[in-house]
Structures are given as structure tokens and as C-alpha cells.
Amino acid sequence: MAFVHGKGAVFKLDNAADVLTDISAYVRSVSPKRSADTAEVTCFGALVKSYIAGLTDMTISVEGVWDATLDAILHAALGATKTFEFGPEGSTGGDIKYTAECICTSYTPGDASVDGAVMWSADLQVTGTLTRTTY
């Protein structure tokens, strides 16, 4: 089993011109969450509940250190459909990557405090098929 340190992760998002852009230099964390719907199909006389599988879904929370270049990319992404690419272990040949279209559903620019760096955060809703391939 090969464990991986997060420092090598890569995250890319379309810029305002819809060109996939590496924003890893501004990102401190990426938290993808995959889920699957289920529908209960229990009928009379059953002693336990039964379910069938439904649709899958994915959301991604991203956060990092604010910069004007990054702000321009996320400002343009809010409410728009963009492509993302996430490489949890990096982008060397053979590394796993996830790619899909997403909609930026929230963007918090310039979260500032007197004793810390200016930060940002965004939430992305994957729409359509998520592709798991390698670099």
C-alpha cells in the first residue's frame, strides 16, 4: 500500500476564458465528497428495510490563500459551469486524476483577520459524469 502526502496535490479550474488553469499555488485544501442516493423499496411483511441504488453525486470544497489572480478565476466561475481537474497525489504519469464539469455554488473572497493571512473558500457542485483516469 502506498500512502501519499497532500503537499503534492494538484487542482485545476477553468479561468474566465474557459482555459484549464493550475491554481494549486493558491490552494491549501481540497475536500471532495462523493455520495449515492438510495430509495427504500420495503414491502409489507418484510422484517428489515430494503433499498435500491440511485444516482451518484459529488461536491468539492476548496480553500486557500487569497490572491488577485485567483480572485479573477473564482469571480468568473461563480454560477458558471467550468471544468475542474484534481490530482490527489500529484500530476506525474500514472497518478490518479478526477475530471468533470462543475458549477461554483459559493465563493467567499478575502476572508481577512487582523492576525492572519487573507483566505478564500469555494464550493463546487459536480454536474454530469465524473471521470477517474490517470495523468
N, C-alpha and C. Protein backbone atom coordinates (compact mmCIF):
# COMPACT_ATOMS: atom_id res chain seq x y z
N MET A 1 0.85 -1.17 0.00
CA MET A 1 0.00 0.00 0.00
C MET A 1 0.91 1.24 0.00
N ALA A 2 0.62 2.17 -0.90
CA ALA A 2 1.42 3.39 -1.00
C ALA A 2 0.61 4.58 -0.50
N PHE A 3 1.02 5.13 0.62
CA PHE A 3 0.35 6.30 1.15
C PHE A 3 0.93 7.55 0.52
N VAL A 4 0.15 8.63 0.48
CA VAL A 4 0.56 9.84 -0.24
C VAL A 4 0.40 11.06 0.66
N HIS A 5 1.36 11.95 0.62
CA HIS A 5 1.28 13.21 1.36
C HIS A 5 0.52 14.23 0.51
N GLY A 6 -0.31 15.05 1.14
CA GLY A 6 -1.13 16.02 0.43
C GLY A 6 -0.39 17.15 -0.23
N LYS A 7 0.86 17.37 0.12
CA LYS A 7 1.61 18.51 -0.41
C LYS A 7 1.78 18.46 -1.93
N GLY A 8 1.66 17.29 -2.52
CA GLY A 8 1.85 17.16 -3.96
C GLY A 8 0.57 17.26 -4.77
N ALA A 9 -0.58 17.46 -4.12
CA ALA A 9 -1.86 17.51 -4.83
C ALA A 9 -1.89 18.65 -5.84
N VAL A 10 -2.69 18.45 -6.88
CA VAL A 10 -2.85 19.44 -7.95
C VAL A 10 -4.33 19.70 -8.15
N PHE A 11 -4.70 21.00 -8.26
CA PHE A 11 -6.09 21.35 -8.54
C PHE A 11 -6.12 22.38 -9.65
N LYS A 12 -6.91 22.09 -10.67
CA LYS A 12 -7.05 22.99 -11.81
C LYS A 12 -8.52 23.34 -12.01
N LEU A 13 -8.76 24.56 -12.49
CA LEU A 13 -10.12 25.04 -12.75
C LEU A 13 -10.07 25.97 -13.95
N ASP A 14 -11.12 25.92 -14.78
CA ASP A 14 -11.19 26.83 -15.92
C ASP A 14 -11.12 28.28 -15.46
N ASN A 15 -10.37 29.10 -16.20
CA ASN A 15 -10.35 30.54 -15.93
C ASN A 15 -11.49 31.22 -16.67
N ALA A 16 -11.51 32.55 -16.70
CA ALA A 16 -12.60 33.29 -17.34
C ALA A 16 -12.73 32.98 -18.82
N ALA A 17 -11.63 32.59 -19.46
CA ALA A 17 -11.64 32.25 -20.89
C ALA A 17 -11.88 30.75 -21.11
N ASP A 18 -12.28 30.03 -20.06
CA ASP A 18 -12.52 28.59 -20.11
C ASP A 18 -11.28 27.78 -20.50
N VAL A 19 -10.13 28.23 -20.02
CA VAL A 19 -8.88 27.51 -20.19
C VAL A 19 -8.52 26.88 -18.85
N LEU A 20 -8.32 25.56 -18.83
CA LEU A 20 -7.99 24.87 -17.59
C LEU A 20 -6.69 25.43 -17.04
N THR A 21 -6.74 25.94 -15.79
CA THR A 21 -5.62 26.66 -15.19
C THR A 21 -5.25 26.03 -13.85
N ASP A 22 -3.97 25.78 -13.65
CA ASP A 22 -3.49 25.22 -12.40
C ASP A 22 -3.53 26.30 -11.32
N ILE A 23 -4.40 26.12 -10.31
CA ILE A 23 -4.49 27.09 -9.21
C ILE A 23 -3.91 26.52 -7.92
N SER A 24 -3.14 25.45 -8.04
CA SER A 24 -2.58 24.76 -6.86
C SER A 24 -1.78 25.69 -5.96
N ALA A 25 -1.11 26.70 -6.53
CA ALA A 25 -0.29 27.61 -5.74
C ALA A 25 -1.11 28.45 -4.77
N TYR A 26 -2.44 28.50 -4.95
CA TYR A 26 -3.33 29.28 -4.08
C TYR A 26 -4.19 28.39 -3.19
N VAL A 27 -4.08 27.07 -3.33
CA VAL A 27 -4.97 26.12 -2.65
C VAL A 27 -4.27 25.47 -1.47
N ARG A 28 -4.96 25.45 -0.31
CA ARG A 28 -4.44 24.79 0.89
C ARG A 28 -5.17 23.47 1.16
N SER A 29 -6.43 23.36 0.71
CA SER A 29 -7.15 22.10 0.92
C SER A 29 -8.23 21.91 -0.14
N VAL A 30 -8.42 20.66 -0.50
CA VAL A 30 -9.48 20.24 -1.41
C VAL A 30 -10.20 19.09 -0.72
N SER A 31 -11.51 19.23 -0.56
CA SER A 31 -12.29 18.20 0.12
C SER A 31 -13.44 17.73 -0.77
N PRO A 32 -13.17 16.71 -1.60
CA PRO A 32 -14.24 16.16 -2.42
C PRO A 32 -15.12 15.22 -1.60
N LYS A 33 -16.42 15.25 -1.89
CA LYS A 33 -17.33 14.34 -1.19
C LYS A 33 -18.23 13.69 -2.23
N ARG A 34 -18.11 12.37 -2.33
CA ARG A 34 -18.98 11.61 -3.23
C ARG A 34 -20.08 10.97 -2.41
N SER A 35 -21.27 10.90 -3.00
CA SER A 35 -22.40 10.27 -2.31
C SER A 35 -23.27 9.55 -3.33
N ALA A 36 -24.15 8.70 -2.83
CA ALA A 36 -25.08 7.97 -3.68
C ALA A 36 -26.45 7.98 -3.03
N ASP A 37 -27.47 8.27 -3.82
CA ASP A 37 -28.84 8.21 -3.33
C ASP A 37 -29.28 6.76 -3.22
N THR A 38 -30.22 6.54 -2.33
CA THR A 38 -30.88 5.24 -2.24
C THR A 38 -32.37 5.48 -2.15
N ALA A 39 -33.14 4.51 -2.59
CA ALA A 39 -34.60 4.58 -2.48
C ALA A 39 -35.07 3.35 -1.71
N GLU A 40 -35.88 3.57 -0.71
CA GLU A 40 -36.40 2.45 0.06
C GLU A 40 -37.47 1.72 -0.74
N VAL A 41 -37.38 0.40 -0.79
CA VAL A 41 -38.34 -0.42 -1.54
C VAL A 41 -38.93 -1.53 -0.65
N THR A 42 -38.97 -1.28 0.65
CA THR A 42 -39.50 -2.26 1.59
C THR A 42 -41.00 -2.45 1.35
N CYS A 43 -41.44 -3.70 1.34
CA CYS A 43 -42.85 -4.01 1.11
C CYS A 43 -43.46 -4.65 2.37
N PHE A 44 -44.79 -4.75 2.38
CA PHE A 44 -45.49 -5.37 3.51
C PHE A 44 -44.92 -6.75 3.81
N GLY A 45 -44.86 -7.08 5.07
CA GLY A 45 -44.41 -8.39 5.50
C GLY A 45 -42.91 -8.49 5.72
N ALA A 46 -42.16 -7.48 5.32
CA ALA A 46 -40.70 -7.52 5.48
C ALA A 46 -40.33 -7.31 6.94
N LEU A 47 -39.22 -7.90 7.37
CA LEU A 47 -38.73 -7.72 8.73
C LEU A 47 -37.57 -6.71 8.79
N VAL A 48 -36.99 -6.43 7.63
CA VAL A 48 -35.91 -5.45 7.53
C VAL A 48 -36.16 -4.57 6.31
N LYS A 49 -35.60 -3.38 6.31
CA LYS A 49 -35.76 -2.48 5.17
C LYS A 49 -34.89 -2.93 4.00
N SER A 50 -35.38 -2.66 2.80
CA SER A 50 -34.64 -2.94 1.57
C SER A 50 -34.50 -1.65 0.78
N TYR A 51 -33.37 -1.53 0.05
CA TYR A 51 -33.08 -0.32 -0.72
C TYR A 51 -32.57 -0.68 -2.10
N ILE A 52 -32.70 0.26 -3.02
CA ILE A 52 -32.05 0.15 -4.31
C ILE A 52 -31.16 1.37 -4.49
N ALA A 53 -30.09 1.19 -5.27
CA ALA A 53 -29.15 2.28 -5.52
C ALA A 53 -29.76 3.30 -6.47
N GLY A 54 -29.42 4.55 -6.24
CA GLY A 54 -29.91 5.64 -7.08
C GLY A 54 -28.76 6.35 -7.77
N LEU A 55 -28.86 7.66 -7.86
CA LEU A 55 -27.87 8.47 -8.56
C LEU A 55 -26.70 8.83 -7.66
N THR A 56 -25.53 8.98 -8.26
CA THR A 56 -24.36 9.42 -7.51
C THR A 56 -24.20 10.93 -7.66
N ASP A 57 -23.42 11.51 -6.75
CA ASP A 57 -23.25 12.95 -6.70
C ASP A 57 -21.85 13.25 -6.17
N MET A 58 -21.39 14.48 -6.41
CA MET A 58 -20.10 14.90 -5.86
C MET A 58 -20.10 16.40 -5.66
N THR A 59 -19.61 16.82 -4.51
CA THR A 59 -19.35 18.22 -4.23
C THR A 59 -17.89 18.35 -3.81
N ILE A 60 -17.34 19.54 -3.99
CA ILE A 60 -15.95 19.78 -3.63
C ILE A 60 -15.87 21.11 -2.90
N SER A 61 -15.25 21.10 -1.73
CA SER A 61 -14.94 22.33 -1.01
C SER A 61 -13.45 22.59 -1.19
N VAL A 62 -13.12 23.82 -1.57
CA VAL A 62 -11.74 24.21 -1.83
C VAL A 62 -11.47 25.47 -1.05
N GLU A 63 -10.27 25.60 -0.47
CA GLU A 63 -9.91 26.81 0.23
C GLU A 63 -8.42 27.06 0.12
N GLY A 64 -8.06 28.33 0.31
CA GLY A 64 -6.66 28.65 0.21
C GLY A 64 -6.35 30.10 0.54
N VAL A 65 -5.18 30.54 0.09
CA VAL A 65 -4.68 31.89 0.36
C VAL A 65 -5.08 32.80 -0.79
N TRP A 66 -5.70 33.94 -0.46
CA TRP A 66 -6.25 34.84 -1.47
C TRP A 66 -5.16 35.55 -2.26
N ASP A 67 -5.45 35.77 -3.53
CA ASP A 67 -4.57 36.49 -4.45
C ASP A 67 -5.46 37.05 -5.56
N ALA A 68 -5.10 38.20 -6.11
CA ALA A 68 -5.93 38.84 -7.14
C ALA A 68 -6.09 37.95 -8.37
N THR A 69 -5.06 37.20 -8.75
CA THR A 69 -5.16 36.30 -9.92
C THR A 69 -6.19 35.22 -9.66
N LEU A 70 -6.11 34.62 -8.49
CA LEU A 70 -7.07 33.58 -8.10
C LEU A 70 -8.48 34.16 -8.02
N ASP A 71 -8.60 35.37 -7.48
CA ASP A 71 -9.90 36.02 -7.35
C ASP A 71 -10.57 36.19 -8.71
N ALA A 72 -9.82 36.56 -9.73
CA ALA A 72 -10.38 36.73 -11.07
C ALA A 72 -10.95 35.41 -11.60
N ILE A 73 -10.26 34.30 -11.32
CA ILE A 73 -10.72 32.98 -11.79
C ILE A 73 -12.02 32.58 -11.08
N LEU A 74 -12.06 32.73 -9.74
CA LEU A 74 -13.25 32.31 -9.00
C LEU A 74 -14.40 33.29 -9.16
N HIS A 75 -14.11 34.55 -9.34
CA HIS A 75 -15.17 35.53 -9.61
C HIS A 75 -15.91 35.14 -10.89
N ALA A 76 -15.16 34.74 -11.92
CA ALA A 76 -15.76 34.33 -13.19
C ALA A 76 -16.46 32.98 -13.08
N ALA A 77 -16.01 32.13 -12.15
CA ALA A 77 -16.58 30.79 -12.02
C ALA A 77 -17.91 30.76 -11.29
N LEU A 78 -18.16 31.73 -10.40
CA LEU A 78 -19.37 31.71 -9.58
C LEU A 78 -20.63 31.67 -10.46
N GLY A 79 -21.41 30.62 -10.29
CA GLY A 79 -22.65 30.46 -11.04
C GLY A 79 -22.46 29.97 -12.46
N ALA A 80 -21.23 29.66 -12.85
CA ALA A 80 -20.94 29.21 -14.21
C ALA A 80 -20.50 27.74 -14.20
N THR A 81 -20.64 27.10 -15.34
CA THR A 81 -20.16 25.73 -15.50
C THR A 81 -18.72 25.77 -15.98
N LYS A 82 -17.84 25.14 -15.22
CA LYS A 82 -16.41 25.13 -15.50
C LYS A 82 -15.90 23.70 -15.40
N THR A 83 -14.75 23.44 -16.00
CA THR A 83 -14.09 22.14 -15.88
C THR A 83 -13.11 22.20 -14.71
N PHE A 84 -13.05 21.11 -13.94
CA PHE A 84 -12.02 21.01 -12.90
C PHE A 84 -11.24 19.73 -13.13
N GLU A 85 -10.03 19.71 -12.58
CA GLU A 85 -9.17 18.52 -12.59
C GLU A 85 -8.48 18.46 -11.24
N PHE A 86 -8.57 17.31 -10.58
CA PHE A 86 -7.97 17.14 -9.26
C PHE A 86 -7.09 15.91 -9.25
N GLY A 87 -5.83 16.11 -8.91
CA GLY A 87 -4.88 15.02 -8.76
C GLY A 87 -4.45 14.93 -7.30
N PRO A 88 -5.08 14.05 -6.50
CA PRO A 88 -4.78 13.98 -5.07
C PRO A 88 -3.33 13.65 -4.76
N GLU A 89 -2.66 12.90 -5.64
CA GLU A 89 -1.28 12.51 -5.38
C GLU A 89 -0.28 13.27 -6.24
N GLY A 90 -0.76 14.17 -7.10
CA GLY A 90 0.10 14.94 -7.99
C GLY A 90 -0.28 14.73 -9.44
N SER A 91 0.62 15.12 -10.34
CA SER A 91 0.30 15.03 -11.77
C SER A 91 1.41 14.34 -12.57
N THR A 92 2.10 13.42 -11.93
CA THR A 92 3.12 12.62 -12.61
C THR A 92 2.42 11.50 -13.37
N GLY A 93 3.02 11.05 -14.46
CA GLY A 93 2.43 9.97 -15.23
C GLY A 93 2.04 8.80 -14.35
N GLY A 94 0.80 8.35 -14.49
CA GLY A 94 0.28 7.23 -13.70
C GLY A 94 -0.49 7.65 -12.47
N ASP A 95 -0.37 8.92 -12.05
CA ASP A 95 -1.13 9.41 -10.88
C ASP A 95 -2.62 9.52 -11.23
N ILE A 96 -3.48 9.24 -10.26
CA ILE A 96 -4.93 9.31 -10.44
C ILE A 96 -5.36 10.77 -10.59
N LYS A 97 -6.32 11.02 -11.49
CA LYS A 97 -6.92 12.34 -11.58
C LYS A 97 -8.42 12.19 -11.79
N TYR A 98 -9.15 13.15 -11.23
CA TYR A 98 -10.60 13.23 -11.38
C TYR A 98 -10.89 14.47 -12.20
N THR A 99 -11.78 14.33 -13.18
CA THR A 99 -12.13 15.43 -14.05
C THR A 99 -13.64 15.44 -14.27
N ALA A 100 -14.23 16.64 -14.29
CA ALA A 100 -15.66 16.77 -14.57
C ALA A 100 -15.98 18.24 -14.77
N GLU A 101 -17.21 18.47 -15.14
CA GLU A 101 -17.75 19.83 -15.17
C GLU A 101 -18.31 20.11 -13.78
N CYS A 102 -18.25 21.36 -13.36
CA CYS A 102 -18.78 21.74 -12.05
C CYS A 102 -19.37 23.14 -12.13
N ILE A 103 -20.20 23.44 -11.17
CA ILE A 103 -20.76 24.78 -11.02
C ILE A 103 -20.29 25.31 -9.68
N CYS A 104 -19.69 26.48 -9.69
CA CYS A 104 -19.26 27.11 -8.43
C CYS A 104 -20.51 27.68 -7.77
N THR A 105 -20.92 27.08 -6.65
CA THR A 105 -22.15 27.47 -5.97
C THR A 105 -21.93 28.51 -4.87
N SER A 106 -20.68 28.64 -4.43
CA SER A 106 -20.37 29.71 -3.46
C SER A 106 -18.90 30.06 -3.54
N TYR A 107 -18.60 31.32 -3.29
CA TYR A 107 -17.22 31.81 -3.27
C TYR A 107 -17.13 32.87 -2.19
N THR A 108 -16.26 32.68 -1.23
CA THR A 108 -16.01 33.64 -0.16
C THR A 108 -14.63 34.25 -0.41
N PRO A 109 -14.58 35.44 -1.01
CA PRO A 109 -13.29 36.07 -1.29
C PRO A 109 -12.79 36.87 -0.11
N GLY A 110 -11.50 36.88 0.09
CA GLY A 110 -10.88 37.78 1.06
C GLY A 110 -11.35 37.66 2.48
N ASP A 111 -11.40 36.46 3.02
CA ASP A 111 -11.74 36.26 4.43
C ASP A 111 -10.53 36.72 5.25
N ALA A 112 -10.61 37.93 5.80
CA ALA A 112 -9.44 38.56 6.43
C ALA A 112 -9.62 38.69 7.94
N SER A 113 -8.49 38.56 8.64
CA SER A 113 -8.46 38.83 10.08
C SER A 113 -7.18 39.61 10.37
N VAL A 114 -7.17 40.32 11.48
CA VAL A 114 -6.04 41.17 11.81
C VAL A 114 -4.76 40.38 12.07
N ASP A 115 -4.89 39.13 12.44
CA ASP A 115 -3.70 38.36 12.81
C ASP A 115 -3.43 37.18 11.88
N GLY A 116 -3.95 37.24 10.65
CA GLY A 116 -3.74 36.10 9.76
C GLY A 116 -3.72 36.48 8.30
N ALA A 117 -3.40 35.51 7.47
CA ALA A 117 -3.40 35.71 6.03
C ALA A 117 -4.84 35.85 5.52
N VAL A 118 -5.00 36.55 4.42
CA VAL A 118 -6.31 36.68 3.78
C VAL A 118 -6.58 35.36 3.06
N MET A 119 -7.73 34.77 3.34
CA MET A 119 -8.07 33.45 2.83
C MET A 119 -9.31 33.52 1.93
N TRP A 120 -9.57 32.47 1.20
CA TRP A 120 -10.77 32.35 0.36
C TRP A 120 -11.29 30.91 0.49
N SER A 121 -12.55 30.71 0.11
CA SER A 121 -13.12 29.37 0.04
C SER A 121 -14.18 29.33 -1.05
N ALA A 122 -14.40 28.14 -1.59
CA ALA A 122 -15.40 27.97 -2.64
C ALA A 122 -15.98 26.56 -2.54
N ASP A 123 -17.24 26.44 -2.98
CA ASP A 123 -17.90 25.14 -3.07
C ASP A 123 -18.28 24.89 -4.53
N LEU A 124 -17.99 23.69 -4.99
CA LEU A 124 -18.26 23.31 -6.37
C LEU A 124 -19.21 22.13 -6.39
N GLN A 125 -20.22 22.19 -7.26
CA GLN A 125 -21.17 21.09 -7.46
C GLN A 125 -20.85 20.43 -8.79
N VAL A 126 -20.45 19.17 -8.75
CA VAL A 126 -20.17 18.44 -9.99
C VAL A 126 -21.48 18.20 -10.72
N THR A 127 -21.46 18.40 -12.04
CA THR A 127 -22.63 18.14 -12.86
C THR A 127 -22.23 17.22 -14.01
N GLY A 128 -22.97 16.16 -14.20
CA GLY A 128 -22.63 15.20 -15.25
C GLY A 128 -21.67 14.14 -14.74
N THR A 129 -20.98 13.53 -15.67
CA THR A 129 -20.14 12.37 -15.39
C THR A 129 -18.79 12.78 -14.80
N LEU A 130 -18.40 12.12 -13.72
CA LEU A 130 -17.08 12.27 -13.13
C LEU A 130 -16.19 11.21 -13.76
N THR A 131 -15.04 11.64 -14.28
CA THR A 131 -14.10 10.72 -14.92
C THR A 131 -12.91 10.49 -13.99
N ARG A 132 -12.57 9.24 -13.75
CA ARG A 132 -11.39 8.86 -12.97
C ARG A 132 -10.42 8.18 -13.91
N THR A 133 -9.31 8.89 -14.20
CA THR A 133 -8.30 8.36 -15.09
C THR A 133 -6.93 8.62 -14.47
N THR A 134 -5.88 8.55 -15.27
CA THR A 134 -4.54 8.86 -14.79
C THR A 134 -3.90 9.90 -15.70
N TYR A 135 -2.88 10.57 -15.16
CA TYR A 135 -2.11 11.52 -15.95
C TYR A 135 -1.24 10.77 -16.93
